[in-house]
Amino acid sequence: MVKKTGLKIGSIAETVVALAIMATQSFSTTISINPASSTIGFESIGSVNVDISGADLGIGAFDVTINYDPLVLGFDSFKFSSELGIQEVDAFGIVTPGAGSVNLYNVSFADLSGQPDDFTLGTLYFKGIQMGATSELSIAVNELGDANGDLITDITTQNGSVSVPEPSATMLFASGLLTLIGLGGIRRKGK
């Protein structure tokens, strides 16, 4: 004899499906350029951060390419964050600059249990080489791994931009005025 439990097969199936969806639901990890928009002076060095947020299980490895306009910006350097482990001791990082791109690769062997969910992966340094122009900084994620070595697949990116402004009208006027004053002094000495 079969005993009735009061549960319907349909409600059990719906519950199992709902639990399976909740178990596989992942939260997006975001890699972004911070600040999203910045300014670097002509022939000056400026920086932007490559930030990560929503890394619930930590970040143990990443392979990211940042693309930029090489006519506007020149790559200067990149400094890895200490959140990935102490460099040359328990982390291995490579920066590979190319024409208009820089590839950032890091694998950490450190204990990342205290790593925050949101932190800076590192800082990019660029030199402004074309006045009056703007370069987009776009992010291409080749691979991203959590602290357990598992691949993170739900990733969003937030690109940024860097502008190299024209000199201001006041600066141009002041430099022109100083030139005229200098020329006037030279003429007076010659008489």
C-alpha atoms as a PDB file:
ATOM      1  CA  MET A   1       0.000   0.000   0.000  1.00  0.00           C
ATOM      2  CA  VAL A   2       1.299   3.475  -0.976  1.00  0.00           C
ATOM      3  CA  LYS A   3       1.108   6.178   1.656  1.00  0.00           C
ATOM      4  CA  LYS A   4       0.138   9.681   0.497  1.00  0.00           C
ATOM      5  CA  THR A   5       2.462  12.438   1.680  1.00  0.00           C
ATOM      6  CA  GLY A   6       0.436  15.413   0.542  1.00  0.00           C
ATOM      7  CA  LEU A   7       3.233  16.630  -1.799  1.00  0.00           C
ATOM      8  CA  LYS A   8       2.580  16.836  -5.494  1.00  0.00           C
ATOM      9  CA  ILE A   9       5.142  15.733  -8.040  1.00  0.00           C
ATOM     10  CA  GLY A  10       4.842  19.114  -9.797  1.00  0.00           C
ATOM     11  CA  SER A  11       5.753  21.085  -6.654  1.00  0.00           C
ATOM     12  CA  ILE A  12       8.775  18.844  -5.974  1.00  0.00           C
ATOM     13  CA  ALA A  13      10.028  19.293  -9.548  1.00  0.00           C
ATOM     14  CA  GLU A  14       9.541  23.055  -9.359  1.00  0.00           C
ATOM     15  CA  THR A  15      11.448  23.186  -6.070  1.00  0.00           C
ATOM     16  CA  VAL A  16      14.338  21.131  -7.482  1.00  0.00           C
ATOM     17  CA  VAL A  17      14.545  23.389 -10.570  1.00  0.00           C
ATOM     18  CA  ALA A  18      14.465  26.546  -8.424  1.00  0.00           C
ATOM     19  CA  LEU A  19      17.250  25.216  -6.166  1.00  0.00           C
ATOM     20  CA  ALA A  20      19.364  24.260  -9.195  1.00  0.00           C
ATOM     21  CA  ILE A  21      18.980  27.750 -10.661  1.00  0.00           C
ATOM     22  CA  MET A  22      19.922  29.355  -7.343  1.00  0.00           C
ATOM     23  CA  ALA A  23      22.978  27.091  -6.987  1.00  0.00           C
ATOM     24  CA  THR A  24      24.310  27.955 -10.453  1.00  0.00           C
ATOM     25  CA  GLN A  25      23.465  31.637 -10.303  1.00  0.00           C
ATOM     26  CA  SER A  26      26.646  33.653 -10.354  1.00  0.00           C
ATOM     27  CA  PHE A  27      27.312  37.272  -9.705  1.00  0.00           C
ATOM     28  CA  SER A  28      29.191  39.233 -12.292  1.00  0.00           C
ATOM     29  CA  THR A  29      32.783  40.233 -11.638  1.00  0.00           C
ATOM     30  CA  THR A  30      33.560  43.667 -13.095  1.00  0.00           C
ATOM     31  CA  ILE A  31      36.921  44.945 -14.341  1.00  0.00           C
ATOM     32  CA  SER A  32      36.972  48.703 -14.867  1.00  0.00           C
ATOM     33  CA  ILE A  33      39.208  51.663 -15.647  1.00  0.00           C
ATOM     34  CA  ASN A  34      39.169  54.174 -12.784  1.00  0.00           C
ATOM     35  CA  PRO A  35      38.606  57.046 -13.157  1.00  0.00           C
ATOM     36  CA  ALA A  36      36.379  56.399 -16.171  1.00  0.00           C
ATOM     37  CA  SER A  37      37.511  59.682 -17.706  1.00  0.00           C
ATOM     38  CA  SER A  38      40.793  61.451 -16.969  1.00  0.00           C
ATOM     39  CA  THR A  39      43.188  64.048 -18.339  1.00  0.00           C
ATOM     40  CA  ILE A  40      46.950  63.839 -18.853  1.00  0.00           C
ATOM     41  CA  GLY A  41      48.999  66.874 -19.806  1.00  0.00           C
ATOM     42  CA  PHE A  42      51.031  66.930 -23.006  1.00  0.00           C
ATOM     43  CA  GLU A  43      54.451  65.298 -22.416  1.00  0.00           C
ATOM     44  CA  SER A  44      53.331  64.488 -18.849  1.00  0.00           C
ATOM     45  CA  ILE A  45      52.817  61.133 -17.135  1.00  0.00           C
ATOM     46  CA  GLY A  46      49.381  60.314 -15.757  1.00  0.00           C
ATOM     47  CA  SER A  47      47.813  57.206 -14.297  1.00  0.00           C
ATOM     48  CA  VAL A  48      44.609  55.195 -14.257  1.00  0.00           C
ATOM     49  CA  ASN A  49      43.753  52.203 -12.099  1.00  0.00           C
ATOM     50  CA  VAL A  50      42.510  48.841 -13.297  1.00  0.00           C
ATOM     51  CA  ASP A  51      39.940  47.938 -10.647  1.00  0.00           C
ATOM     52  CA  ILE A  52      37.992  44.771  -9.932  1.00  0.00           C
ATOM     53  CA  SER A  53      34.706  44.431  -8.074  1.00  0.00           C
ATOM     54  CA  GLY A  54      32.454  41.537  -7.184  1.00  0.00           C
ATOM     55  CA  ALA A  55      35.327  39.060  -6.783  1.00  0.00           C
ATOM     56  CA  ASP A  56      33.558  37.074  -4.075  1.00  0.00           C
ATOM     57  CA  LEU A  57      36.085  34.206  -4.185  1.00  0.00           C
ATOM     58  CA  GLY A  58      39.110  36.438  -4.748  1.00  0.00           C
ATOM     59  CA  ILE A  59      41.309  36.798  -7.803  1.00  0.00           C
ATOM     60  CA  GLY A  60      44.230  34.388  -8.086  1.00  0.00           C
ATOM     61  CA  ALA A  61      45.111  34.974 -11.736  1.00  0.00           C
ATOM     62  CA  PHE A  62      44.286  37.301 -14.578  1.00  0.00           C
ATOM     63  CA  ASP A  63      45.220  37.824 -18.207  1.00  0.00           C
ATOM     64  CA  VAL A  64      43.863  41.176 -19.379  1.00  0.00           C
ATOM     65  CA  THR A  65      44.716  43.385 -22.358  1.00  0.00           C
ATOM     66  CA  ILE A  66      44.194  47.155 -22.237  1.00  0.00           C
ATOM     67  CA  ASN A  67      43.920  48.770 -25.684  1.00  0.00           C
ATOM     68  CA  TYR A  68      44.614  52.471 -26.314  1.00  0.00           C
ATOM     69  CA  ASP A  69      45.337  54.863 -29.201  1.00  0.00           C
ATOM     70  CA  PRO A  70      49.149  54.970 -29.614  1.00  0.00           C
ATOM     71  CA  LEU A  71      48.883  58.298 -31.470  1.00  0.00           C
ATOM     72  CA  VAL A  72      47.447  59.921 -28.314  1.00  0.00           C
ATOM     73  CA  LEU A  73      49.121  58.016 -25.459  1.00  0.00           C
ATOM     74  CA  GLY A  74      52.458  56.329 -24.926  1.00  0.00           C
ATOM     75  CA  PHE A  75      52.665  53.437 -22.458  1.00  0.00           C
ATOM     76  CA  ASP A  76      55.068  54.213 -19.612  1.00  0.00           C
ATOM     77  CA  SER A  77      54.685  51.468 -16.977  1.00  0.00           C
ATOM     78  CA  PHE A  78      52.350  49.300 -14.874  1.00  0.00           C
ATOM     79  CA  LYS A  79      52.497  48.569 -11.145  1.00  0.00           C
ATOM     80  CA  PHE A  80      50.751  45.473  -9.785  1.00  0.00           C
ATOM     81  CA  SER A  81      48.627  45.787  -6.640  1.00  0.00           C
ATOM     82  CA  SER A  82      49.794  44.297  -3.355  1.00  0.00           C
ATOM     83  CA  GLU A  83      46.375  42.548  -3.066  1.00  0.00           C
ATOM     84  CA  LEU A  84      47.725  39.856  -5.399  1.00  0.00           C
ATOM     85  CA  GLY A  85      50.679  38.890  -3.213  1.00  0.00           C
ATOM     86  CA  ILE A  86      54.131  40.293  -2.598  1.00  0.00           C
ATOM     87  CA  GLN A  87      55.884  40.611  -5.948  1.00  0.00           C
ATOM     88  CA  GLU A  88      58.777  38.256  -6.654  1.00  0.00           C
ATOM     89  CA  VAL A  89      57.932  36.224  -3.536  1.00  0.00           C
ATOM     90  CA  ASP A  90      54.500  34.658  -3.998  1.00  0.00           C
ATOM     91  CA  ALA A  91      53.207  36.165  -7.238  1.00  0.00           C
ATOM     92  CA  PHE A  92      54.346  36.135 -10.831  1.00  0.00           C
ATOM     93  CA  GLY A  93      53.412  39.043 -13.087  1.00  0.00           C
ATOM     94  CA  ILE A  94      54.230  39.986 -16.666  1.00  0.00           C
ATOM     95  CA  VAL A  95      53.527  43.252 -18.480  1.00  0.00           C
ATOM     96  CA  THR A  96      53.835  43.043 -22.263  1.00  0.00           C
ATOM     97  CA  PRO A  97      53.447  46.362 -24.076  1.00  0.00           C
ATOM     98  CA  GLY A  98      52.585  46.386 -27.768  1.00  0.00           C
ATOM     99  CA  ALA A  99      51.606  48.985 -30.337  1.00  0.00           C
ATOM    100  CA  GLY A 100      48.391  50.336 -28.864  1.00  0.00           C
ATOM    101  CA  SER A 101      47.961  47.647 -26.224  1.00  0.00           C
ATOM    102  CA  VAL A 102      49.443  46.360 -23.019  1.00  0.00           C
ATOM    103  CA  ASN A 103      48.886  42.811 -21.793  1.00  0.00           C
ATOM    104  CA  LEU A 104      48.754  42.292 -18.025  1.00  0.00           C
ATOM    105  CA  TYR A 105      49.263  38.789 -16.679  1.00  0.00           C
ATOM    106  CA  ASN A 106      49.498  37.739 -13.051  1.00  0.00           C
ATOM    107  CA  VAL A 107      49.376  34.477 -11.117  1.00  0.00           C
ATOM    108  CA  SER A 108      49.428  34.596  -7.339  1.00  0.00           C
ATOM    109  CA  PHE A 109      50.563  31.800  -5.032  1.00  0.00           C
ATOM    110  CA  ALA A 110      49.790  33.800  -1.892  1.00  0.00           C
ATOM    111  CA  ASP A 111      47.138  33.057   0.697  1.00  0.00           C
ATOM    112  CA  LEU A 112      44.346  35.259  -0.678  1.00  0.00           C
ATOM    113  CA  SER A 113      41.814  34.535   2.078  1.00  0.00           C
ATOM    114  CA  GLY A 114      41.956  38.164   3.255  1.00  0.00           C
ATOM    115  CA  GLN A 115      41.644  39.635  -0.241  1.00  0.00           C
ATOM    116  CA  PRO A 116      38.693  42.072  -0.458  1.00  0.00           C
ATOM    117  CA  ASP A 117      35.876  41.610  -3.006  1.00  0.00           C
ATOM    118  CA  ASP A 118      36.701  45.018  -4.557  1.00  0.00           C
ATOM    119  CA  PHE A 119      40.288  46.217  -5.085  1.00  0.00           C
ATOM    120  CA  THR A 120      42.772  47.626  -7.592  1.00  0.00           C
ATOM    121  CA  LEU A 121      44.562  45.063  -9.783  1.00  0.00           C
ATOM    122  CA  GLY A 122      47.203  47.652 -10.625  1.00  0.00           C
ATOM    123  CA  THR A 123      47.985  51.108 -11.976  1.00  0.00           C
ATOM    124  CA  LEU A 124      48.750  51.981 -15.608  1.00  0.00           C
ATOM    125  CA  TYR A 125      50.999  54.953 -16.372  1.00  0.00           C
ATOM    126  CA  PHE A 126      50.742  56.732 -19.736  1.00  0.00           C
ATOM    127  CA  LYS A 127      52.442  59.740 -21.321  1.00  0.00           C
ATOM    128  CA  GLY A 128      50.323  62.269 -23.236  1.00  0.00           C
ATOM    129  CA  ILE A 129      51.777  62.560 -26.763  1.00  0.00           C
ATOM    130  CA  GLN A 130      49.084  64.296 -28.868  1.00  0.00           C
ATOM    131  CA  MET A 131      47.415  67.514 -27.758  1.00  0.00           C
ATOM    132  CA  GLY A 132      43.689  67.963 -28.279  1.00  0.00           C
ATOM    133  CA  ALA A 133      42.958  64.251 -28.578  1.00  0.00           C
ATOM    134  CA  THR A 134      41.278  61.534 -26.535  1.00  0.00           C
ATOM    135  CA  SER A 135      42.068  57.837 -26.358  1.00  0.00           C
ATOM    136  CA  GLU A 136      39.602  55.196 -25.281  1.00  0.00           C
ATOM    137  CA  LEU A 137      41.006  52.612 -22.877  1.00  0.00           C
ATOM    138  CA  SER A 138      39.215  49.358 -23.666  1.00  0.00           C
ATOM    139  CA  ILE A 139      39.528  46.167 -21.662  1.00  0.00           C
ATOM    140  CA  ALA A 140      39.727  42.687 -23.179  1.00  0.00           C
ATOM    141  CA  VAL A 141      39.642  39.877 -20.618  1.00  0.00           C
ATOM    142  CA  ASN A 142      41.529  36.842 -21.902  1.00  0.00           C
ATOM    143  CA  GLU A 143      41.149  34.846 -18.652  1.00  0.00           C
ATOM    144  CA  LEU A 144      40.236  35.500 -15.051  1.00  0.00           C
ATOM    145  CA  GLY A 145      40.650  32.958 -12.255  1.00  0.00           C
ATOM    146  CA  ASP A 146      39.489  32.983  -8.658  1.00  0.00           C
ATOM    147  CA  ALA A 147      41.640  32.240  -5.618  1.00  0.00           C
ATOM    148  CA  ASN A 148      40.742  28.532  -5.891  1.00  0.00           C
ATOM    149  CA  GLY A 149      42.073  28.327  -9.452  1.00  0.00           C
ATOM    150  CA  ASP A 150      38.612  28.117 -11.029  1.00  0.00           C
ATOM    151  CA  LEU A 151      37.817  30.087 -14.179  1.00  0.00           C
ATOM    152  CA  ILE A 152      35.475  33.067 -13.762  1.00  0.00           C
ATOM    153  CA  THR A 153      33.161  33.317 -16.769  1.00  0.00           C
ATOM    154  CA  ASP A 154      30.604  35.976 -15.790  1.00  0.00           C
ATOM    155  CA  ILE A 155      32.680  39.124 -16.386  1.00  0.00           C
ATOM    156  CA  THR A 156      31.682  42.660 -17.321  1.00  0.00           C
ATOM    157  CA  THR A 157      34.060  45.433 -18.318  1.00  0.00           C
ATOM    158  CA  GLN A 158      33.810  49.198 -17.972  1.00  0.00           C
ATOM    159  CA  ASN A 159      36.116  51.013 -20.351  1.00  0.00           C
ATOM    160  CA  GLY A 160      37.583  54.458 -19.773  1.00  0.00           C
ATOM    161  CA  SER A 161      39.158  57.327 -21.669  1.00  0.00           C
ATOM    162  CA  VAL A 162      42.120  59.660 -21.309  1.00  0.00           C
ATOM    163  CA  SER A 163      42.282  63.125 -22.860  1.00  0.00           C
ATOM    164  CA  VAL A 164      45.375  65.183 -23.652  1.00  0.00           C
ATOM    165  CA  PRO A 165      44.018  68.753 -23.737  1.00  0.00           C
ATOM    166  CA  GLU A 166      45.176  71.686 -25.831  1.00  0.00           C
ATOM    167  CA  PRO A 167      47.057  74.323 -23.852  1.00  0.00           C
ATOM    168  CA  SER A 168      44.632  76.829 -22.390  1.00  0.00           C
ATOM    169  CA  ALA A 169      44.156  80.238 -24.023  1.00  0.00           C
ATOM    170  CA  THR A 170      45.593  81.919 -20.915  1.00  0.00           C
ATOM    171  CA  MET A 171      48.798  79.883 -21.200  1.00  0.00           C
ATOM    172  CA  LEU A 172      49.114  80.736 -24.891  1.00  0.00           C
ATOM    173  CA  PHE A 173      48.506  84.439 -24.210  1.00  0.00           C
ATOM    174  CA  ALA A 174      51.027  84.461 -21.339  1.00  0.00           C
ATOM    175  CA  SER A 175      53.717  82.715 -23.397  1.00  0.00           C
ATOM    176  CA  GLY A 176      53.109  85.124 -26.314  1.00  0.00           C
ATOM    177  CA  LEU A 177      53.313  88.128 -23.986  1.00  0.00           C
ATOM    178  CA  LEU A 178      56.567  86.875 -22.457  1.00  0.00           C
ATOM    179  CA  THR A 179      57.995  86.373 -25.947  1.00  0.00           C
ATOM    180  CA  LEU A 180      57.100  89.967 -26.918  1.00  0.00           C
ATOM    181  CA  ILE A 181      58.610  91.331 -23.713  1.00  0.00           C
ATOM    182  CA  GLY A 182      61.775  89.309 -24.334  1.00  0.00           C
ATOM    183  CA  LEU A 183      62.029  90.559 -27.919  1.00  0.00           C
ATOM    184  CA  GLY A 184      61.512  94.141 -26.739  1.00  0.00           C
ATOM    185  CA  GLY A 185      64.402  93.791 -24.270  1.00  0.00           C
ATOM    186  CA  ILE A 186      66.687  92.410 -26.961  1.00  0.00           C
ATOM    187  CA  ARG A 187      65.901  95.349 -29.297  1.00  0.00           C
ATOM    188  CA  ARG A 188      66.626  97.906 -26.589  1.00  0.00           C
ATOM    189  CA  LYS A 189      70.037  96.353 -25.861  1.00  0.00           C
ATOM    190  CA  GLY A 190      70.911  96.459 -29.525  1.00  0.00           C
ATOM    191  CA  LYS A 191      70.362 100.285 -29.829  1.00  0.00           C
END
